[in-house]
Amino acid sequence: MQIRTFTGGGFGQNAYLVICQTTSACVAVDPGAGATTLVSAIEENDLDLQAVLLTHAHLDHVEGVSDVRARHPGVPIWLHPDELSLYRGVHRQAAMFGLTAEPQPEPTDELIPGESFQFGDCAFEVLFAPGHSPGHVIFVSRPKSLALVGDVVFQGSIGRTDLPGGSFETLMASIRREILSLPDETILFPGHGPATSVGQERDTNPFLAPRRSGELA
């Protein structure tokens, strides 16, 4: 499994192209402002795009879905159902930041926590991690010791919880349950900033380090 990062836009959002190296299958995760470059990489490498997977539906993580669909019209779009109102209201989200946004293509499939998404010889386990947003999920590959965690946790920080549907207590519970339960060597690919690891965040993240298990200090 290879992961390529495409960062763009005023929010510095990370879009990910995840490639199954034994096949040509790939998935686009959270195609934001870097989506056009991501799609070019798919075409330049003659990859088979299987799906768009969305950790959540905040504007910066979904604003490039239409760019992907423009060049791959039939690609499925997967989203947790609790994120639909946010997704369909991207114009309202944009207005909060003094921006404008066009409606995005309607999701085609529901992400169900506890199930796996298969592409080629690779798979992601879908885990439910709300708090930053109501239906936030993360994508975990335990065999590859990696996770795409959206805006749940970052290097040295955690996702904001002051947007509609956010909850600090819920986010902390999600981090304890879904992130800190992973092995320390698990690499975390966040929605913003550089990759990190479970062990690094357990030891150094000021929101998580006080008791090494994510309890509130």
Foldseek 3Di string as FASTA:
>chain_A
DDWDWFFDDPVRWTWIWAADVVALEIEIEQDFPRNLVVLVVSVVVVGDYAAYEYQAAARRRCQCQQVNCVVVVPHAYEEAPQRQVSLQVNQVNQVVVPGGGDRHDDGDYYDDAQDWDDIDPAIWHWHAAAALAQGGIKTDDLVVLEIEREQLADQQGGHDQPDPRHHPVSSLVSCLVPPLVHDQARWYHYGHDDIDGSVNCLCHRPQRPPVSRSDGD
